[in-house]
PDB file of N, CA and C in Angstrom:
ATOM      1  N   MET A   1       3.366  -6.287  -5.910  1.00  0.00           N
ATOM      2  CA  MET A   1       3.947  -6.987  -4.773  1.00  0.00           C
ATOM      3  C   MET A   1       3.390  -8.342  -4.708  1.00  0.00           C
ATOM      4  N   GLN A   2       4.142  -9.383  -4.553  1.00  0.00           N
ATOM      5  CA  GLN A   2       3.717 -10.757  -4.288  1.00  0.00           C
ATOM      6  C   GLN A   2       3.997 -10.934  -2.807  1.00  0.00           C
ATOM      7  N   ARG A   3       2.937 -11.348  -2.107  1.00  0.00           N
ATOM      8  CA  ARG A   3       3.112 -11.482  -0.649  1.00  0.00           C
ATOM      9  C   ARG A   3       2.326 -12.718  -0.120  1.00  0.00           C
ATOM     10  N   THR A   4       2.791 -13.122   1.100  1.00  0.00           N
ATOM     11  CA  THR A   4       2.180 -14.239   1.755  1.00  0.00           C
ATOM     12  C   THR A   4       2.301 -14.050   3.252  1.00  0.00           C
ATOM     13  N   ASP A   5       1.456 -14.764   4.013  1.00  0.00           N
ATOM     14  CA  ASP A   5       1.582 -14.661   5.422  1.00  0.00           C
ATOM     15  C   ASP A   5       2.498 -15.785   5.996  1.00  0.00           C
ATOM     16  N   GLY A   6       3.200 -16.426   5.082  1.00  0.00           N
ATOM     17  CA  GLY A   6       4.251 -17.360   5.448  1.00  0.00           C
ATOM     18  C   GLY A   6       3.616 -18.842   5.672  1.00  0.00           C
ATOM     19  N   THR A   7       2.394 -18.967   5.359  1.00  0.00           N
ATOM     20  CA  THR A   7       1.787 -20.355   5.442  1.00  0.00           C
ATOM     21  C   THR A   7       1.687 -20.869   3.981  1.00  0.00           C
ATOM     22  N   ALA A   8       1.199 -22.125   3.928  1.00  0.00           N
ATOM     23  CA  ALA A   8       0.903 -22.817   2.632  1.00  0.00           C
ATOM     24  C   ALA A   8      -0.556 -22.539   2.249  1.00  0.00           C
ATOM     25  N   ASN A   9      -1.373 -21.845   2.954  1.00  0.00           N
ATOM     26  CA  ASN A   9      -2.732 -21.511   2.598  1.00  0.00           C
ATOM     27  C   ASN A   9      -2.854 -20.778   1.408  1.00  0.00           C
ATOM     28  N   PRO A  10      -3.406 -21.387   0.344  1.00  0.00           N
ATOM     29  CA  PRO A  10      -3.571 -20.628  -0.924  1.00  0.00           C
ATOM     30  C   PRO A  10      -4.262 -19.285  -0.875  1.00  0.00           C
ATOM     31  N   MET A  11      -5.147 -19.080   0.121  1.00  0.00           N
ATOM     32  CA  MET A  11      -5.930 -17.848   0.288  1.00  0.00           C
ATOM     33  C   MET A  11      -4.971 -16.804   0.763  1.00  0.00           C
ATOM     34  N   GLU A  12      -3.821 -17.126   1.279  1.00  0.00           N
ATOM     35  CA  GLU A  12      -2.909 -16.130   1.767  1.00  0.00           C
ATOM     36  C   GLU A  12      -1.783 -15.823   0.803  1.00  0.00           C
ATOM     37  N   GLN A  13      -1.839 -16.338  -0.363  1.00  0.00           N
ATOM     38  CA  GLN A  13      -0.813 -16.082  -1.472  1.00  0.00           C
ATOM     39  C   GLN A  13      -1.498 -14.989  -2.324  1.00  0.00           C
ATOM     40  N   ARG A  14      -0.931 -13.818  -2.203  1.00  0.00           N
ATOM     41  CA  ARG A  14      -1.646 -12.598  -2.867  1.00  0.00           C
ATOM     42  C   ARG A  14      -0.668 -11.843  -3.693  1.00  0.00           C
ATOM     43  N   VAL A  15      -1.294 -11.073  -4.552  1.00  0.00           N
ATOM     44  CA  VAL A  15      -0.578 -10.121  -5.368  1.00  0.00           C
ATOM     45  C   VAL A  15      -1.300  -8.700  -5.162  1.00  0.00           C
ATOM     46  N   ASP A  16      -0.539  -7.718  -4.849  1.00  0.00           N
ATOM     47  CA  ASP A  16      -1.007  -6.439  -4.658  1.00  0.00           C
ATOM     48  C   ASP A  16      -0.380  -5.499  -5.727  1.00  0.00           C
ATOM     49  N   TRP A  17      -1.179  -4.623  -6.275  1.00  0.00           N
ATOM     50  CA  TRP A  17      -0.761  -3.666  -7.234  1.00  0.00           C
ATOM     51  C   TRP A  17      -0.790  -2.189  -6.680  1.00  0.00           C
ATOM     52  N   PHE A  18       0.294  -1.464  -6.813  1.00  0.00           N
ATOM     53  CA  PHE A  18       0.305  -0.077  -6.323  1.00  0.00           C
ATOM     54  C   PHE A  18       0.638   0.815  -7.451  1.00  0.00           C
ATOM     55  N   PHE A  19      -0.132   1.880  -7.588  1.00  0.00           N
ATOM     56  CA  PHE A  19       0.084   2.830  -8.714  1.00  0.00           C
ATOM     57  C   PHE A  19       0.402   4.176  -8.220  1.00  0.00           C
ATOM     58  N   VAL A  20       1.181   4.865  -8.997  1.00  0.00           N
ATOM     59  CA  VAL A  20       1.628   6.289  -8.646  1.00  0.00           C
ATOM     60  C   VAL A  20       0.817   7.227  -9.551  1.00  0.00           C
ATOM     61  N   CYS A  21       0.236   8.198  -8.958  1.00  0.00           N
ATOM     62  CA  CYS A  21      -0.525   9.285  -9.646  1.00  0.00           C
ATOM     63  C   CYS A  21       0.149  10.600  -9.349  1.00  0.00           C
ATOM     64  N   ASP A  22       0.637  11.171 -10.435  1.00  0.00           N
ATOM     65  CA  ASP A  22       1.372  12.464 -10.281  1.00  0.00           C
ATOM     66  C   ASP A  22       0.354  13.676 -10.424  1.00  0.00           C
ATOM     67  N   VAL A  23      -0.834  13.453 -11.133  1.00  0.00           N
ATOM     68  CA  VAL A  23      -1.726  14.567 -11.416  1.00  0.00           C
ATOM     69  C   VAL A  23      -3.184  13.995 -11.152  1.00  0.00           C
ATOM     70  N   TRP A  24      -3.989  14.780 -10.476  1.00  0.00           N
ATOM     71  CA  TRP A  24      -5.383  14.306 -10.286  1.00  0.00           C
ATOM     72  C   TRP A  24      -6.233  15.649 -10.146  1.00  0.00           C
ATOM     73  N   GLY A  25      -7.520  15.363 -10.142  1.00  0.00           N
ATOM     74  CA  GLY A  25      -8.415  16.552 -10.010  1.00  0.00           C
ATOM     75  C   GLY A  25      -9.538  16.145  -8.994  1.00  0.00           C
ATOM     76  N   GLY A  26     -10.123  17.197  -8.319  1.00  0.00           N
ATOM     77  CA  GLY A  26     -11.145  17.059  -7.344  1.00  0.00           C
ATOM     78  C   GLY A  26     -10.585  16.554  -5.952  1.00  0.00           C
ATOM     79  N   GLU A  27     -11.525  16.156  -5.115  1.00  0.00           N
ATOM     80  CA  GLU A  27     -11.223  15.676  -3.852  1.00  0.00           C
ATOM     81  C   GLU A  27     -11.551  14.168  -3.711  1.00  0.00           C
ATOM     82  N   PRO A  28     -10.647  13.469  -3.065  1.00  0.00           N
ATOM     83  CA  PRO A  28     -10.946  11.976  -2.797  1.00  0.00           C
ATOM     84  C   PRO A  28     -12.130  11.855  -1.828  1.00  0.00           C
ATOM     85  N   LEU A  29     -12.900  10.833  -2.033  1.00  0.00           N
ATOM     86  CA  LEU A  29     -14.092  10.554  -1.226  1.00  0.00           C
ATOM     87  C   LEU A  29     -14.088   9.084  -0.758  1.00  0.00           C
ATOM     88  N   ILE A  30     -14.610   8.829   0.432  1.00  0.00           N
ATOM     89  CA  ILE A  30     -14.752   7.516   0.815  1.00  0.00           C
ATOM     90  C   ILE A  30     -16.035   6.959   0.134  1.00  0.00           C
ATOM     91  N   ARG A  31     -15.903   5.924  -0.710  1.00  0.00           N
ATOM     92  CA  ARG A  31     -17.018   5.392  -1.401  1.00  0.00           C
ATOM     93  C   ARG A  31     -17.593   4.147  -0.700  1.00  0.00           C
ATOM     94  N   GLU A  32     -16.862   3.495   0.219  1.00  0.00           N
ATOM     95  CA  GLU A  32     -17.325   2.335   0.980  1.00  0.00           C
ATOM     96  C   GLU A  32     -17.128   2.690   2.497  1.00  0.00           C
ATOM     97  N   PRO A  33     -17.967   3.509   3.089  1.00  0.00           N
ATOM     98  CA  PRO A  33     -17.755   3.846   4.460  1.00  0.00           C
ATOM     99  C   PRO A  33     -17.780   2.654   5.458  1.00  0.00           C
ATOM    100  N   ALA A  34     -18.426   1.576   5.085  1.00  0.00           N
ATOM    101  CA  ALA A  34     -18.438   0.368   5.951  1.00  0.00           C
ATOM    102  C   ALA A  34     -17.001  -0.324   6.026  1.00  0.00           C
ATOM    103  N   LYS A  35     -16.168   0.093   5.102  1.00  0.00           N
ATOM    104  CA  LYS A  35     -14.893  -0.569   4.987  1.00  0.00           C
ATOM    105  C   LYS A  35     -13.734   0.394   5.329  1.00  0.00           C
ATOM    106  N   CYS A  36     -14.097   1.682   5.498  1.00  0.00           N
ATOM    107  CA  CYS A  36     -13.054   2.732   5.656  1.00  0.00           C
ATOM    108  C   CYS A  36     -13.552   3.876   6.619  1.00  0.00           C
ATOM    109  N   ALA A  37     -12.778   4.025   7.657  1.00  0.00           N
ATOM    110  CA  ALA A  37     -13.169   4.917   8.628  1.00  0.00           C
ATOM    111  C   ALA A  37     -12.663   6.448   8.404  1.00  0.00           C
ATOM    112  N   GLU A  38     -11.622   6.528   7.696  1.00  0.00           N
ATOM    113  CA  GLU A  38     -10.985   7.878   7.471  1.00  0.00           C
ATOM    114  C   GLU A  38     -10.180   7.867   6.236  1.00  0.00           C
ATOM    115  N   LEU A  39     -10.019   9.046   5.703  1.00  0.00           N
ATOM    116  CA  LEU A  39      -9.187   9.268   4.433  1.00  0.00           C
ATOM    117  C   LEU A  39      -8.382  10.492   4.762  1.00  0.00           C
ATOM    118  N   SER A  40      -7.016  10.335   4.771  1.00  0.00           N
ATOM    119  CA  SER A  40      -6.109  11.343   5.028  1.00  0.00           C
ATOM    120  C   SER A  40      -4.905  11.348   4.145  1.00  0.00           C
ATOM    121  N   TRP A  41      -4.235  12.508   3.903  1.00  0.00           N
ATOM    122  CA  TRP A  41      -3.046  12.593   3.151  1.00  0.00           C
ATOM    123  C   TRP A  41      -1.849  12.642   4.203  1.00  0.00           C
ATOM    124  N   PHE A  42      -0.745  11.887   3.900  1.00  0.00           N
ATOM    125  CA  PHE A  42       0.436  11.916   4.642  1.00  0.00           C
ATOM    126  C   PHE A  42       1.666  12.049   3.733  1.00  0.00           C
ATOM    127  N   ARG A  43       2.652  12.745   4.322  1.00  0.00           N
ATOM    128  CA  ARG A  43       3.929  12.729   3.664  1.00  0.00           C
ATOM    129  C   ARG A  43       4.585  11.379   3.709  1.00  0.00           C
ATOM    130  N   LEU A  44       5.332  11.024   2.725  1.00  0.00           N
ATOM    131  CA  LEU A  44       6.040   9.738   2.722  1.00  0.00           C
ATOM    132  C   LEU A  44       6.931   9.545   3.874  1.00  0.00           C
ATOM    133  N   ASP A  45       7.529  10.694   4.343  1.00  0.00           N
ATOM    134  CA  ASP A  45       8.408  10.503   5.513  1.00  0.00           C
ATOM    135  C   ASP A  45       7.762  10.717   6.832  1.00  0.00           C
ATOM    136  N   ASP A  46       6.395  10.718   6.859  1.00  0.00           N
ATOM    137  CA  ASP A  46       5.651  10.859   8.130  1.00  0.00           C
ATOM    138  C   ASP A  46       4.387  10.027   8.074  1.00  0.00           C
ATOM    139  N   LEU A  47       4.529   8.763   7.743  1.00  0.00           N
ATOM    140  CA  LEU A  47       3.380   7.858   7.608  1.00  0.00           C
ATOM    141  C   LEU A  47       2.894   7.365   8.976  1.00  0.00           C
ATOM    142  N   PRO A  48       1.617   7.093   9.092  1.00  0.00           N
ATOM    143  CA  PRO A  48       1.065   6.641  10.403  1.00  0.00           C
ATOM    144  C   PRO A  48       1.718   5.385  10.927  1.00  0.00           C
ATOM    145  N   VAL A  49       1.702   5.247  12.151  1.00  0.00           N
ATOM    146  CA  VAL A  49       2.363   4.071  12.877  1.00  0.00           C
ATOM    147  C   VAL A  49       1.587   2.755  12.487  1.00  0.00           C
ATOM    148  N   ASN A  50       0.256   2.822  12.387  1.00  0.00           N
ATOM    149  CA  ASN A  50      -0.580   1.541  12.243  1.00  0.00           C
ATOM    150  C   ASN A  50      -0.652   1.167  10.751  1.00  0.00           C
ATOM    151  N   LEU A  51       0.206   1.652   9.945  1.00  0.00           N
ATOM    152  CA  LEU A  51       0.105   1.262   8.516  1.00  0.00           C
ATOM    153  C   LEU A  51       0.535  -0.222   8.345  1.00  0.00           C
ATOM    154  N   PRO A  52      -0.228  -0.979   7.529  1.00  0.00           N
ATOM    155  CA  PRO A  52       0.132  -2.435   7.342  1.00  0.00           C
ATOM    156  C   PRO A  52       1.535  -2.436   6.841  1.00  0.00           C
ATOM    157  N   ALA A  53       2.274  -3.440   7.295  1.00  0.00           N
ATOM    158  CA  ALA A  53       3.677  -3.650   7.014  1.00  0.00           C
ATOM    159  C   ALA A  53       3.973  -3.763   5.499  1.00  0.00           C
ATOM    160  N   HIS A  54       3.135  -4.527   4.762  1.00  0.00           N
ATOM    161  CA  HIS A  54       3.341  -4.654   3.301  1.00  0.00           C
ATOM    162  C   HIS A  54       3.129  -3.284   2.565  1.00  0.00           C
ATOM    163  N   GLU A  55       2.110  -2.508   3.071  1.00  0.00           N
ATOM    164  CA  GLU A  55       1.989  -1.191   2.410  1.00  0.00           C
ATOM    165  C   GLU A  55       3.073  -0.199   2.713  1.00  0.00           C
ATOM    166  N   ARG A  56       3.595  -0.276   3.936  1.00  0.00           N
ATOM    167  CA  ARG A  56       4.754   0.526   4.375  1.00  0.00           C
ATOM    168  C   ARG A  56       6.039   0.181   3.400  1.00  0.00           C
ATOM    169  N   LEU A  57       6.145  -1.090   3.137  1.00  0.00           N
ATOM    170  CA  LEU A  57       7.332  -1.523   2.252  1.00  0.00           C
ATOM    171  C   LEU A  57       7.124  -0.853   0.843  1.00  0.00           C
ATOM    172  N   ALA A  58       5.909  -0.837   0.302  1.00  0.00           N
ATOM    173  CA  ALA A  58       5.752  -0.217  -0.996  1.00  0.00           C
ATOM    174  C   ALA A  58       5.830   1.315  -0.929  1.00  0.00           C
ATOM    175  N   LEU A  59       5.371   1.932   0.143  1.00  0.00           N
ATOM    176  CA  LEU A  59       5.599   3.379   0.188  1.00  0.00           C
ATOM    177  C   LEU A  59       7.028   3.841   0.523  1.00  0.00           C
ATOM    178  N   ASP A  60       7.824   2.943   1.196  1.00  0.00           N
ATOM    179  CA  ASP A  60       9.216   3.163   1.466  1.00  0.00           C
ATOM    180  C   ASP A  60       9.847   3.159   0.082  1.00  0.00           C
ATOM    181  N   ALA A  61       9.564   2.175  -0.685  1.00  0.00           N
ATOM    182  CA  ALA A  61      10.189   2.021  -2.048  1.00  0.00           C
ATOM    183  C   ALA A  61       9.898   3.252  -2.901  1.00  0.00           C
ATOM    184  N   LEU A  62       8.696   3.770  -2.823  1.00  0.00           N
ATOM    185  CA  LEU A  62       8.358   4.975  -3.485  1.00  0.00           C
ATOM    186  C   LEU A  62       9.170   6.228  -3.019  1.00  0.00           C
ATOM    187  N   ARG A  63       9.241   6.304  -1.688  1.00  0.00           N
ATOM    188  CA  ARG A  63       9.998   7.406  -1.080  1.00  0.00           C
ATOM    189  C   ARG A  63      11.421   7.414  -1.529  1.00  0.00           C
ATOM    190  N   GLU A  64      11.982   6.161  -1.714  1.00  0.00           N
ATOM    191  CA  GLU A  64      13.458   6.048  -2.030  1.00  0.00           C
ATOM    192  C   GLU A  64      13.582   6.183  -3.583  1.00  0.00           C
ATOM    193  N   GLY A  65      12.520   6.446  -4.340  1.00  0.00           N
ATOM    194  CA  GLY A  65      12.614   6.695  -5.760  1.00  0.00           C
ATOM    195  C   GLY A  65      12.547   5.446  -6.620  1.00  0.00           C
ATOM    196  N   ARG A  66      12.160   4.231  -6.076  1.00  0.00           N
ATOM    197  CA  ARG A  66      12.017   3.068  -6.767  1.00  0.00           C
ATOM    198  C   ARG A  66      10.514   2.973  -7.359  1.00  0.00           C
ATOM    199  N   ARG A  67      10.220   3.670  -8.367  1.00  0.00           N
ATOM    200  CA  ARG A  67       8.860   3.731  -8.869  1.00  0.00           C
ATOM    201  C   ARG A  67       8.344   2.505  -9.598  1.00  0.00           C
ATOM    202  N   SER A  68       9.224   1.720 -10.117  1.00  0.00           N
ATOM    203  CA  SER A  68       8.754   0.446 -10.853  1.00  0.00           C
ATOM    204  C   SER A  68       9.371  -0.741 -10.171  1.00  0.00           C
ATOM    205  N   ALA A  69       9.534  -0.802  -8.843  1.00  0.00           N
ATOM    206  CA  ALA A  69      10.083  -1.850  -8.179  1.00  0.00           C
ATOM    207  C   ALA A  69       9.119  -3.053  -8.121  1.00  0.00           C
ATOM    208  N   VAL A  70       9.610  -4.252  -8.187  1.00  0.00           N
ATOM    209  CA  VAL A  70       8.996  -5.470  -7.946  1.00  0.00           C
ATOM    210  C   VAL A  70       9.355  -5.830  -6.542  1.00  0.00           C
ATOM    211  N   LEU A  71       8.225  -6.033  -5.714  1.00  0.00           N
ATOM    212  CA  LEU A  71       8.465  -6.298  -4.322  1.00  0.00           C
ATOM    213  C   LEU A  71       7.897  -7.609  -3.850  1.00  0.00           C
ATOM    214  N   THR A  72       8.445  -8.191  -2.805  1.00  0.00           N
ATOM    215  CA  THR A  72       7.904  -9.444  -2.282  1.00  0.00           C
ATOM    216  C   THR A  72       7.764  -9.137  -0.626  1.00  0.00           C
ATOM    217  N   PHE A  73       6.914  -9.771  -0.020  1.00  0.00           N
ATOM    218  CA  PHE A  73       6.720  -9.650   1.454  1.00  0.00           C
ATOM    219  C   PHE A  73       6.201 -10.904   2.012  1.00  0.00           C
ATOM    220  N   GLY A  74       6.887 -11.419   3.098  1.00  0.00           N
ATOM    221  CA  GLY A  74       6.508 -12.560   3.802  1.00  0.00           C
ATOM    222  C   GLY A  74       7.198 -13.908   3.431  1.00  0.00           C
ATOM    223  N   PHE A  75       8.130 -13.837   2.396  1.00  0.00           N
ATOM    224  CA  PHE A  75       8.752 -15.056   1.959  1.00  0.00           C
ATOM    225  C   PHE A  75      10.053 -15.251   2.684  1.00  0.00           C
TER     226      PHE A  75
END
């Protein structure tokens, strides 16, 4: 995803990468507790309300079956 906050500030011109994992092992752990308060699983059709808008856009694309979508946000 290429995204911006809508300004010309170069620090706000970003690229985010989202990956799909179909198989994994073990339990996920919070490795940076100072940066993360909680780790939870959610169904794609029941995401939390406070999800950042650009992340919701990526997860909506995944829910709709667009696994290799190129996304933009804020332009």
